[in-house]
PDB file of all heavy atoms in Angstrom:
ATOM      1  N   MET A   1       0.792 -16.584   6.646  1.00  0.00           N
ATOM      2  CA  MET A   1      -0.636 -16.465   6.931  1.00  0.00           C
ATOM      3  C   MET A   1      -1.444 -17.583   6.267  1.00  0.00           C
ATOM      4  O   MET A   1      -2.544 -17.911   6.719  1.00  0.00           O
ATOM      5  CB  MET A   1      -1.153 -15.094   6.500  1.00  0.00           C
ATOM      6  CG  MET A   1      -0.577 -13.934   7.315  1.00  0.00           C
ATOM      7  SD  MET A   1      -0.898 -14.055   9.110  1.00  0.00           S
ATOM      8  CE  MET A   1       0.625 -14.850   9.697  1.00  0.00           C
ATOM      9  N   GLU A   2      -0.913 -18.192   5.207  1.00  0.00           N
ATOM     10  CA  GLU A   2      -1.576 -19.354   4.606  1.00  0.00           C
ATOM     11  C   GLU A   2      -1.560 -20.547   5.544  1.00  0.00           C
ATOM     12  O   GLU A   2      -2.384 -21.456   5.405  1.00  0.00           O
ATOM     13  CB  GLU A   2      -0.911 -19.716   3.273  1.00  0.00           C
ATOM     14  CG  GLU A   2      -1.272 -18.767   2.140  1.00  0.00           C
ATOM     15  CD  GLU A   2      -0.591 -19.125   0.831  1.00  0.00           C
ATOM     16  OE1 GLU A   2       0.585 -19.566   0.873  1.00  0.00           O
ATOM     17  OE2 GLU A   2      -1.217 -18.966  -0.231  1.00  0.00           O
ATOM     18  N   GLU A   3      -0.659 -20.561   6.517  1.00  0.00           N
ATOM     19  CA  GLU A   3      -0.662 -21.610   7.539  1.00  0.00           C
ATOM     20  C   GLU A   3      -1.913 -21.511   8.406  1.00  0.00           C
ATOM     21  O   GLU A   3      -2.370 -22.509   8.971  1.00  0.00           O
ATOM     22  CB  GLU A   3       0.587 -21.491   8.420  1.00  0.00           C
ATOM     23  CG  GLU A   3       1.904 -21.723   7.688  1.00  0.00           C
ATOM     24  CD  GLU A   3       3.092 -21.538   8.620  1.00  0.00           C
ATOM     25  OE1 GLU A   3       2.909 -21.688   9.852  1.00  0.00           O
ATOM     26  OE2 GLU A   3       4.190 -21.227   8.119  1.00  0.00           O
ATOM     27  N   ILE A   4      -2.450 -20.308   8.513  1.00  0.00           N
ATOM     28  CA  ILE A   4      -3.639 -20.071   9.323  1.00  0.00           C
ATOM     29  C   ILE A   4      -4.902 -20.217   8.496  1.00  0.00           C
ATOM     30  O   ILE A   4      -5.890 -20.804   8.929  1.00  0.00           O
ATOM     31  CB  ILE A   4      -3.604 -18.650   9.927  1.00  0.00           C
ATOM     32  CG1 ILE A   4      -2.390 -18.469  10.823  1.00  0.00           C
ATOM     33  CG2 ILE A   4      -4.891 -18.347  10.691  1.00  0.00           C
ATOM     34  CD1 ILE A   4      -2.207 -17.050  11.309  1.00  0.00           C
ATOM     35  N   ARG A   5      -4.852 -19.680   7.281  1.00  0.00           N
ATOM     36  CA  ARG A   5      -6.045 -19.597   6.445  1.00  0.00           C
ATOM     37  C   ARG A   5      -5.657 -19.843   4.985  1.00  0.00           C
ATOM     38  O   ARG A   5      -4.899 -19.056   4.398  1.00  0.00           O
ATOM     39  CB  ARG A   5      -6.681 -18.221   6.619  1.00  0.00           C
ATOM     40  CG  ARG A   5      -7.995 -18.040   5.916  1.00  0.00           C
ATOM     41  CD  ARG A   5      -8.691 -16.804   6.435  1.00  0.00           C
ATOM     42  NE  ARG A   5      -9.795 -16.426   5.558  1.00  0.00           N
ATOM     43  CZ  ARG A   5     -10.697 -15.507   5.838  1.00  0.00           C
ATOM     44  NH1 ARG A   5     -10.624 -14.869   7.004  1.00  0.00           N
ATOM     45  NH2 ARG A   5     -11.667 -15.218   4.989  1.00  0.00           N
ATOM     46  N   PRO A   6      -6.160 -20.897   4.365  1.00  0.00           N
ATOM     47  CA  PRO A   6      -5.742 -21.258   3.008  1.00  0.00           C
ATOM     48  C   PRO A   6      -5.970 -20.170   1.966  1.00  0.00           C
ATOM     49  O   PRO A   6      -5.228 -20.083   0.982  1.00  0.00           O
ATOM     50  CB  PRO A   6      -6.589 -22.497   2.693  1.00  0.00           C
ATOM     51  CG  PRO A   6      -6.897 -23.097   4.027  1.00  0.00           C
ATOM     52  CD  PRO A   6      -7.052 -21.923   4.950  1.00  0.00           C
ATOM     53  N   ASP A   7      -6.974 -19.312   2.174  1.00  0.00           N
ATOM     54  CA  ASP A   7      -7.254 -18.266   1.191  1.00  0.00           C
ATOM     55  C   ASP A   7      -6.575 -16.938   1.550  1.00  0.00           C
ATOM     56  O   ASP A   7      -6.963 -15.874   1.051  1.00  0.00           O
ATOM     57  CB  ASP A   7      -8.762 -18.048   1.045  1.00  0.00           C
ATOM     58  CG  ASP A   7      -9.414 -17.534   2.334  1.00  0.00           C
ATOM     59  OD1 ASP A   7      -8.765 -17.617   3.404  1.00  0.00           O
ATOM     60  OD2 ASP A   7     -10.559 -17.054   2.262  1.00  0.00           O
ATOM     61  N   ALA A   8      -5.546 -16.993   2.391  1.00  0.00           N
ATOM     62  CA  ALA A   8      -4.879 -15.772   2.834  1.00  0.00           C
ATOM     63  C   ALA A   8      -4.275 -14.984   1.671  1.00  0.00           C
ATOM     64  O   ALA A   8      -4.279 -13.755   1.679  1.00  0.00           O
ATOM     65  CB  ALA A   8      -3.795 -16.104   3.851  1.00  0.00           C
ATOM     66  N   ARG A   9      -3.795 -15.689   0.649  1.00  0.00           N
ATOM     67  CA  ARG A   9      -3.177 -14.998  -0.484  1.00  0.00           C
ATOM     68  C   ARG A   9      -4.166 -14.054  -1.162  1.00  0.00           C
ATOM     69  O   ARG A   9      -3.828 -12.906  -1.480  1.00  0.00           O
ATOM     70  CB  ARG A   9      -2.619 -16.013  -1.484  1.00  0.00           C
ATOM     71  CG  ARG A   9      -1.914 -15.391  -2.694  1.00  0.00           C
ATOM     72  CD  ARG A   9      -1.264 -16.450  -3.560  1.00  0.00           C
ATOM     73  NE  ARG A   9      -0.240 -17.167  -2.816  1.00  0.00           N
ATOM     74  CZ  ARG A   9       1.014 -16.746  -2.689  1.00  0.00           C
ATOM     75  NH1 ARG A   9       1.398 -15.621  -3.263  1.00  0.00           N
ATOM     76  NH2 ARG A   9       1.890 -17.450  -2.002  1.00  0.00           N
ATOM     77  N   ALA A  10      -5.359 -14.519  -1.367  1.00  0.00           N
ATOM     78  CA  ALA A  10      -6.371 -13.683  -2.018  1.00  0.00           C
ATOM     79  C   ALA A  10      -6.673 -12.441  -1.185  1.00  0.00           C
ATOM     80  O   ALA A  10      -6.977 -11.369  -1.724  1.00  0.00           O
ATOM     81  CB  ALA A  10      -7.646 -14.486  -2.245  1.00  0.00           C
ATOM     82  N   LEU A  11      -6.588 -12.581   0.143  1.00  0.00           N
ATOM     83  CA  LEU A  11      -6.864 -11.454   1.023  1.00  0.00           C
ATOM     84  C   LEU A  11      -5.712 -10.452   1.059  1.00  0.00           C
ATOM     85  O   LEU A  11      -5.921  -9.238   1.181  1.00  0.00           O
ATOM     86  CB  LEU A  11      -7.133 -11.955   2.446  1.00  0.00           C
ATOM     87  CG  LEU A  11      -8.388 -12.808   2.651  1.00  0.00           C
ATOM     88  CD1 LEU A  11      -8.384 -13.421   4.043  1.00  0.00           C
ATOM     89  CD2 LEU A  11      -9.639 -11.958   2.449  1.00  0.00           C
ATOM     90  N   LEU A  12      -4.479 -10.954   0.954  1.00  0.00           N
ATOM     91  CA  LEU A  12      -3.306 -10.124   1.195  1.00  0.00           C
ATOM     92  C   LEU A  12      -2.656  -9.570  -0.072  1.00  0.00           C
ATOM     93  O   LEU A  12      -1.782  -8.701   0.018  1.00  0.00           O
ATOM     94  CB  LEU A  12      -2.267 -10.911   2.000  1.00  0.00           C
ATOM     95  CG  LEU A  12      -2.716 -11.334   3.402  1.00  0.00           C
ATOM     96  CD1 LEU A  12      -1.667 -12.222   4.048  1.00  0.00           C
ATOM     97  CD2 LEU A  12      -2.990 -10.116   4.278  1.00  0.00           C
ATOM     98  N   GLU A  13      -3.048 -10.059  -1.243  1.00  0.00           N
ATOM     99  CA  GLU A  13      -2.425  -9.590  -2.483  1.00  0.00           C
ATOM    100  C   GLU A  13      -3.182  -8.444  -3.150  1.00  0.00           C
ATOM    101  O   GLU A  13      -2.802  -7.995  -4.223  1.00  0.00           O
ATOM    102  CB  GLU A  13      -2.280 -10.742  -3.480  1.00  0.00           C
ATOM    103  CG  GLU A  13      -1.124 -11.670  -3.178  1.00  0.00           C
ATOM    104  CD  GLU A  13      -0.857 -12.662  -4.296  1.00  0.00           C
ATOM    105  OE1 GLU A  13      -1.798 -12.966  -5.070  1.00  0.00           O
ATOM    106  OE2 GLU A  13       0.290 -13.153  -4.395  1.00  0.00           O
ATOM    107  N   ARG A  14      -4.227  -7.985  -2.525  1.00  0.00           N
ATOM    108  CA  ARG A  14      -5.017  -6.916  -3.108  1.00  0.00           C
ATOM    109  C   ARG A  14      -4.178  -5.661  -3.349  1.00  0.00           C
ATOM    110  O   ARG A  14      -3.365  -5.266  -2.504  1.00  0.00           O
ATOM    111  CB  ARG A  14      -6.179  -6.591  -2.174  1.00  0.00           C
ATOM    112  CG  ARG A  14      -7.157  -5.572  -2.727  1.00  0.00           C
ATOM    113  CD  ARG A  14      -8.351  -5.501  -1.787  1.00  0.00           C
ATOM    114  NE  ARG A  14      -8.757  -4.135  -1.569  1.00  0.00           N
ATOM    115  CZ  ARG A  14      -9.492  -3.736  -0.563  1.00  0.00           C
ATOM    116  NH1 ARG A  14      -9.876  -4.610   0.353  1.00  0.00           N
ATOM    117  NH2 ARG A  14      -9.840  -2.489  -0.430  1.00  0.00           N
ATOM    118  N   LYS A  15      -4.366  -5.024  -4.491  1.00  0.00           N
ATOM    119  CA  LYS A  15      -3.570  -3.872  -4.874  1.00  0.00           C
ATOM    120  C   LYS A  15      -4.077  -2.593  -4.205  1.00  0.00           C
ATOM    121  O   LYS A  15      -5.149  -2.555  -3.628  1.00  0.00           O
ATOM    122  CB  LYS A  15      -3.575  -3.705  -6.392  1.00  0.00           C
ATOM    123  CG  LYS A  15      -2.998  -4.909  -7.143  1.00  0.00           C
ATOM    124  CD  LYS A  15      -1.565  -5.179  -6.734  1.00  0.00           C
ATOM    125  CE  LYS A  15      -0.957  -6.345  -7.509  1.00  0.00           C
ATOM    126  NZ  LYS A  15       0.413  -6.671  -7.036  1.00  0.00           N
ATOM    127  N   SER A  16      -3.263  -1.553  -4.335  1.00  0.00           N
ATOM    128  CA  SER A  16      -3.538  -0.231  -3.770  1.00  0.00           C
ATOM    129  C   SER A  16      -3.765  -0.307  -2.263  1.00  0.00           C
ATOM    130  O   SER A  16      -4.720   0.254  -1.730  1.00  0.00           O
ATOM    131  CB  SER A  16      -4.747   0.428  -4.452  1.00  0.00           C
ATOM    132  OG  SER A  16      -4.759   1.820  -4.193  1.00  0.00           O
ATOM    133  N   SER A  17      -2.845  -1.007  -1.592  1.00  0.00           N
ATOM    134  CA  SER A  17      -2.962  -1.197  -0.146  1.00  0.00           C
ATOM    135  C   SER A  17      -1.866  -0.498   0.641  1.00  0.00           C
ATOM    136  O   SER A  17      -1.910  -0.474   1.873  1.00  0.00           O
ATOM    137  CB  SER A  17      -2.949  -2.696   0.194  1.00  0.00           C
ATOM    138  OG  SER A  17      -4.083  -3.336  -0.352  1.00  0.00           O
ATOM    139  N   ALA A  18      -0.863   0.054  -0.062  1.00  0.00           N
ATOM    140  CA  ALA A  18       0.233   0.738   0.626  1.00  0.00           C
ATOM    141  C   ALA A  18       0.606   1.991  -0.153  1.00  0.00           C
ATOM    142  O   ALA A  18       0.692   1.963  -1.385  1.00  0.00           O
ATOM    143  CB  ALA A  18       1.438  -0.178   0.761  1.00  0.00           C
ATOM    144  N   TYR A  19       0.840   3.082   0.567  1.00  0.00           N
ATOM    145  CA  TYR A  19       1.301   4.330  -0.042  1.00  0.00           C
ATOM    146  C   TYR A  19       2.366   4.953   0.849  1.00  0.00           C
ATOM    147  O   TYR A  19       2.200   5.028   2.080  1.00  0.00           O
ATOM    148  CB  TYR A  19       0.152   5.329  -0.207  1.00  0.00           C
ATOM    149  CG  TYR A  19       0.627   6.716  -0.606  1.00  0.00           C
ATOM    150  CD1 TYR A  19       0.838   7.047  -1.949  1.00  0.00           C
ATOM    151  CD2 TYR A  19       0.898   7.692   0.352  1.00  0.00           C
ATOM    152  CE1 TYR A  19       1.295   8.312  -2.311  1.00  0.00           C
ATOM    153  CE2 TYR A  19       1.351   8.955  -0.002  1.00  0.00           C
ATOM    154  CZ  TYR A  19       1.556   9.265  -1.342  1.00  0.00           C
ATOM    155  OH  TYR A  19       2.023  10.508  -1.689  1.00  0.00           O
ATOM    156  N   SER A  20       3.453   5.370   0.255  1.00  0.00           N
ATOM    157  CA  SER A  20       4.472   6.141   0.967  1.00  0.00           C
ATOM    158  C   SER A  20       4.790   7.379   0.148  1.00  0.00           C
ATOM    159  O   SER A  20       4.863   7.318  -1.088  1.00  0.00           O
ATOM    160  CB  SER A  20       5.747   5.312   1.185  1.00  0.00           C
ATOM    161  OG  SER A  20       5.502   4.232   2.057  1.00  0.00           O
ATOM    162  N   GLY A  21       4.969   8.487   0.820  1.00  0.00           N
ATOM    163  CA  GLY A  21       5.251   9.724   0.121  1.00  0.00           C
ATOM    164  C   GLY A  21       5.513  10.859   1.083  1.00  0.00           C
ATOM    165  O   GLY A  21       5.506  10.675   2.309  1.00  0.00           O
ATOM    166  N   ILE A  22       5.736  12.041   0.532  1.00  0.00           N
ATOM    167  CA  ILE A  22       6.038  13.220   1.330  1.00  0.00           C
ATOM    168  C   ILE A  22       5.128  14.351   0.878  1.00  0.00           C
ATOM    169  O   ILE A  22       5.077  14.686  -0.307  1.00  0.00           O
ATOM    170  CB  ILE A  22       7.528  13.601   1.195  1.00  0.00           C
ATOM    171  CG1 ILE A  22       8.396  12.436   1.726  1.00  0.00           C
ATOM    172  CG2 ILE A  22       7.827  14.893   1.958  1.00  0.00           C
ATOM    173  CD1 ILE A  22       9.864  12.557   1.420  1.00  0.00           C
ATOM    174  N   ILE A  23       4.386  14.903   1.831  1.00  0.00           N
ATOM    175  CA  ILE A  23       3.370  15.908   1.552  1.00  0.00           C
ATOM    176  C   ILE A  23       3.849  17.271   2.045  1.00  0.00           C
ATOM    177  O   ILE A  23       4.403  17.386   3.145  1.00  0.00           O
ATOM    178  CB  ILE A  23       2.035  15.558   2.245  1.00  0.00           C
ATOM    179  CG1 ILE A  23       1.655  14.084   1.993  1.00  0.00           C
ATOM    180  CG2 ILE A  23       0.932  16.504   1.785  1.00  0.00           C
ATOM    181  CD1 ILE A  23       1.406  13.735   0.555  1.00  0.00           C
ATOM    182  N   GLY A  24       3.622  18.308   1.230  1.00  0.00           N
ATOM    183  CA  GLY A  24       4.034  19.652   1.594  1.00  0.00           C
ATOM    184  C   GLY A  24       2.987  20.393   2.394  1.00  0.00           C
ATOM    185  O   GLY A  24       1.855  19.922   2.569  1.00  0.00           O
ATOM    186  N   PRO A  25       3.325  21.588   2.898  1.00  0.00           N
ATOM    187  CA  PRO A  25       2.401  22.349   3.755  1.00  0.00           C
ATOM    188  C   PRO A  25       1.182  22.902   3.032  1.00  0.00           C
ATOM    189  O   PRO A  25       0.292  23.457   3.677  1.00  0.00           O
ATOM    190  CB  PRO A  25       3.287  23.486   4.292  1.00  0.00           C
ATOM    191  CG  PRO A  25       4.390  23.617   3.301  1.00  0.00           C
ATOM    192  CD  PRO A  25       4.640  22.242   2.777  1.00  0.00           C
ATOM    193  N   ASP A  26       1.129  22.745   1.709  1.00  0.00           N
ATOM    194  CA  ASP A  26      -0.080  23.116   0.971  1.00  0.00           C
ATOM    195  C   ASP A  26      -1.011  21.928   0.772  1.00  0.00           C
ATOM    196  O   ASP A  26      -2.038  22.029   0.106  1.00  0.00           O
ATOM    197  CB  ASP A  26       0.278  23.725  -0.383  1.00  0.00           C
ATOM    198  CG  ASP A  26       1.114  22.789  -1.252  1.00  0.00           C
ATOM    199  OD1 ASP A  26       1.411  21.648  -0.803  1.00  0.00           O
ATOM    200  OD2 ASP A  26       1.475  23.187  -2.370  1.00  0.00           O
ATOM    201  N   GLY A  27      -0.627  20.767   1.338  1.00  0.00           N
ATOM    202  CA  GLY A  27      -1.461  19.574   1.241  1.00  0.00           C
ATOM    203  C   GLY A  27      -1.230  18.753  -0.012  1.00  0.00           C
ATOM    204  O   GLY A  27      -1.917  17.754  -0.227  1.00  0.00           O
ATOM    205  N   ARG A  28      -0.241  19.139  -0.826  1.00  0.00           N
ATOM    206  CA  ARG A  28       0.032  18.404  -2.056  1.00  0.00           C
ATOM    207  C   ARG A  28       1.335  17.616  -1.938  1.00  0.00           C
ATOM    208  O   ARG A  28       2.274  18.056  -1.252  1.00  0.00           O
ATOM    209  CB  ARG A  28       0.124  19.362  -3.246  1.00  0.00           C
ATOM    210  CG  ARG A  28      -1.185  20.074  -3.555  1.00  0.00           C
ATOM    211  CD  ARG A  28      -1.076  20.939  -4.794  1.00  0.00           C
ATOM    212  NE  ARG A  28      -0.111  22.023  -4.620  1.00  0.00           N
ATOM    213  CZ  ARG A  28       0.178  22.915  -5.563  1.00  0.00           C
ATOM    214  NH1 ARG A  28      -0.417  22.842  -6.746  1.00  0.00           N
ATOM    215  NH2 ARG A  28       1.056  23.877  -5.319  1.00  0.00           N
ATOM    216  N   PRO A  29       1.423  16.456  -2.597  1.00  0.00           N
ATOM    217  CA  PRO A  29       2.675  15.704  -2.569  1.00  0.00           C
ATOM    218  C   PRO A  29       3.830  16.536  -3.128  1.00  0.00           C
ATOM    219  O   PRO A  29       3.677  17.234  -4.130  1.00  0.00           O
ATOM    220  CB  PRO A  29       2.378  14.497  -3.469  1.00  0.00           C
ATOM    221  CG  PRO A  29       0.891  14.351  -3.441  1.00  0.00           C
ATOM    222  CD  PRO A  29       0.364  15.753  -3.335  1.00  0.00           C
ATOM    223  N   VAL A  30       4.967  16.459  -2.460  1.00  0.00           N
ATOM    224  CA  VAL A  30       6.161  17.164  -2.922  1.00  0.00           C
ATOM    225  C   VAL A  30       6.761  16.453  -4.123  1.00  0.00           C
ATOM    226  O   VAL A  30       7.371  17.086  -4.989  1.00  0.00           O
ATOM    227  CB  VAL A  30       7.192  17.254  -1.775  1.00  0.00           C
ATOM    228  CG1 VAL A  30       8.469  17.944  -2.234  1.00  0.00           C
ATOM    229  CG2 VAL A  30       6.596  17.989  -0.581  1.00  0.00           C
ATOM    230  N   THR A  31       6.572  15.147  -4.179  1.00  0.00           N
ATOM    231  CA  THR A  31       7.102  14.327  -5.263  1.00  0.00           C
ATOM    232  C   THR A  31       6.178  13.135  -5.446  1.00  0.00           C
ATOM    233  O   THR A  31       5.251  12.934  -4.667  1.00  0.00           O
ATOM    234  CB  THR A  31       8.538  13.861  -4.944  1.00  0.00           C
ATOM    235  OG1 THR A  31       9.097  13.203  -6.078  1.00  0.00           O
ATOM    236  CG2 THR A  31       8.554  12.914  -3.746  1.00  0.00           C
ATOM    237  N   ASP A  32       6.408  12.348  -6.486  1.00  0.00           N
ATOM    238  CA  ASP A  32       5.600  11.150  -6.692  1.00  0.00           C
ATOM    239  C   ASP A  32       5.815  10.165  -5.549  1.00  0.00           C
ATOM    240  O   ASP A  32       6.946   9.955  -5.098  1.00  0.00           O
ATOM    241  CB  ASP A  32       5.964  10.476  -8.016  1.00  0.00           C
ATOM    242  CG  ASP A  32       5.550  11.304  -9.221  1.00  0.00           C
ATOM    243  OD1 ASP A  32       4.631  12.134  -9.075  1.00  0.00           O
ATOM    244  OD2 ASP A  32       6.147  11.118 -10.295  1.00  0.00           O
ATOM    245  N   GLY A  33       4.732   9.551  -5.090  1.00  0.00           N
ATOM    246  CA  GLY A  33       4.836   8.558  -4.039  1.00  0.00           C
ATOM    247  C   GLY A  33       4.931   7.149  -4.609  1.00  0.00           C
ATOM    248  O   GLY A  33       4.955   6.953  -5.824  1.00  0.00           O
ATOM    249  N   LEU A  34       5.001   6.194  -3.718  1.00  0.00           N
ATOM    250  CA  LEU A  34       5.054   4.777  -4.093  1.00  0.00           C
ATOM    251  C   LEU A  34       3.756   4.101  -3.675  1.00  0.00           C
ATOM    252  O   LEU A  34       3.252   4.330  -2.573  1.00  0.00           O
ATOM    253  CB  LEU A  34       6.213   4.073  -3.385  1.00  0.00           C
ATOM    254  CG  LEU A  34       7.622   4.149  -3.984  1.00  0.00           C
ATOM    255  CD1 LEU A  34       8.591   3.450  -3.043  1.00  0.00           C
ATOM    256  CD2 LEU A  34       7.664   3.513  -5.369  1.00  0.00           C
ATOM    257  N   ILE A  35       3.221   3.252  -4.544  1.00  0.00           N
ATOM    258  CA  ILE A  35       2.051   2.443  -4.207  1.00  0.00           C
ATOM    259  C   ILE A  35       2.424   0.969  -4.331  1.00  0.00           C
ATOM    260  O   ILE A  35       2.854   0.523  -5.398  1.00  0.00           O
ATOM    261  CB  ILE A  35       0.856   2.779  -5.108  1.00  0.00           C
ATOM    262  CG1 ILE A  35       0.387   4.210  -4.845  1.00  0.00           C
ATOM    263  CG2 ILE A  35      -0.305   1.808  -4.853  1.00  0.00           C
ATOM    264  CD1 ILE A  35      -0.776   4.651  -5.699  1.00  0.00           C
ATOM    265  N   ASP A  36       2.320   0.265  -3.227  1.00  0.00           N
ATOM    266  CA  ASP A  36       2.493  -1.193  -3.128  1.00  0.00           C
ATOM    267  C   ASP A  36       3.936  -1.687  -3.250  1.00  0.00           C
ATOM    268  O   ASP A  36       4.320  -2.641  -2.578  1.00  0.00           O
ATOM    269  CB  ASP A  36       1.616  -1.922  -4.157  1.00  0.00           C
ATOM    270  CG  ASP A  36       0.132  -1.746  -3.886  1.00  0.00           C
ATOM    271  OD1 ASP A  36      -0.230  -1.470  -2.724  1.00  0.00           O
ATOM    272  OD2 ASP A  36      -0.660  -1.854  -4.835  1.00  0.00           O
ATOM    273  N   GLU A  37       4.753  -1.110  -4.106  1.00  0.00           N
ATOM    274  CA  GLU A  37       6.098  -1.625  -4.356  1.00  0.00           C
ATOM    275  C   GLU A  37       7.083  -1.170  -3.274  1.00  0.00           C
ATOM    276  O   GLU A  37       6.959  -0.091  -2.702  1.00  0.00           O
ATOM    277  CB  GLU A  37       6.597  -1.152  -5.722  1.00  0.00           C
ATOM    278  CG  GLU A  37       5.716  -1.565  -6.882  1.00  0.00           C
ATOM    279  CD  GLU A  37       5.580  -3.083  -7.005  1.00  0.00           C
ATOM    280  OE1 GLU A  37       6.590  -3.775  -6.764  1.00  0.00           O
ATOM    281  OE2 GLU A  37       4.479  -3.563  -7.311  1.00  0.00           O
TER     282      GLU A  37
END
């Protein structure tokens, strides 16, 4: 993306942009999820 826009790194490295996890039927996470990694 830096080939398109020189400041792409600043746009794409922002934290708290990805979450994966498993949620139970009570609406609470069943286990700890992952953020960014």
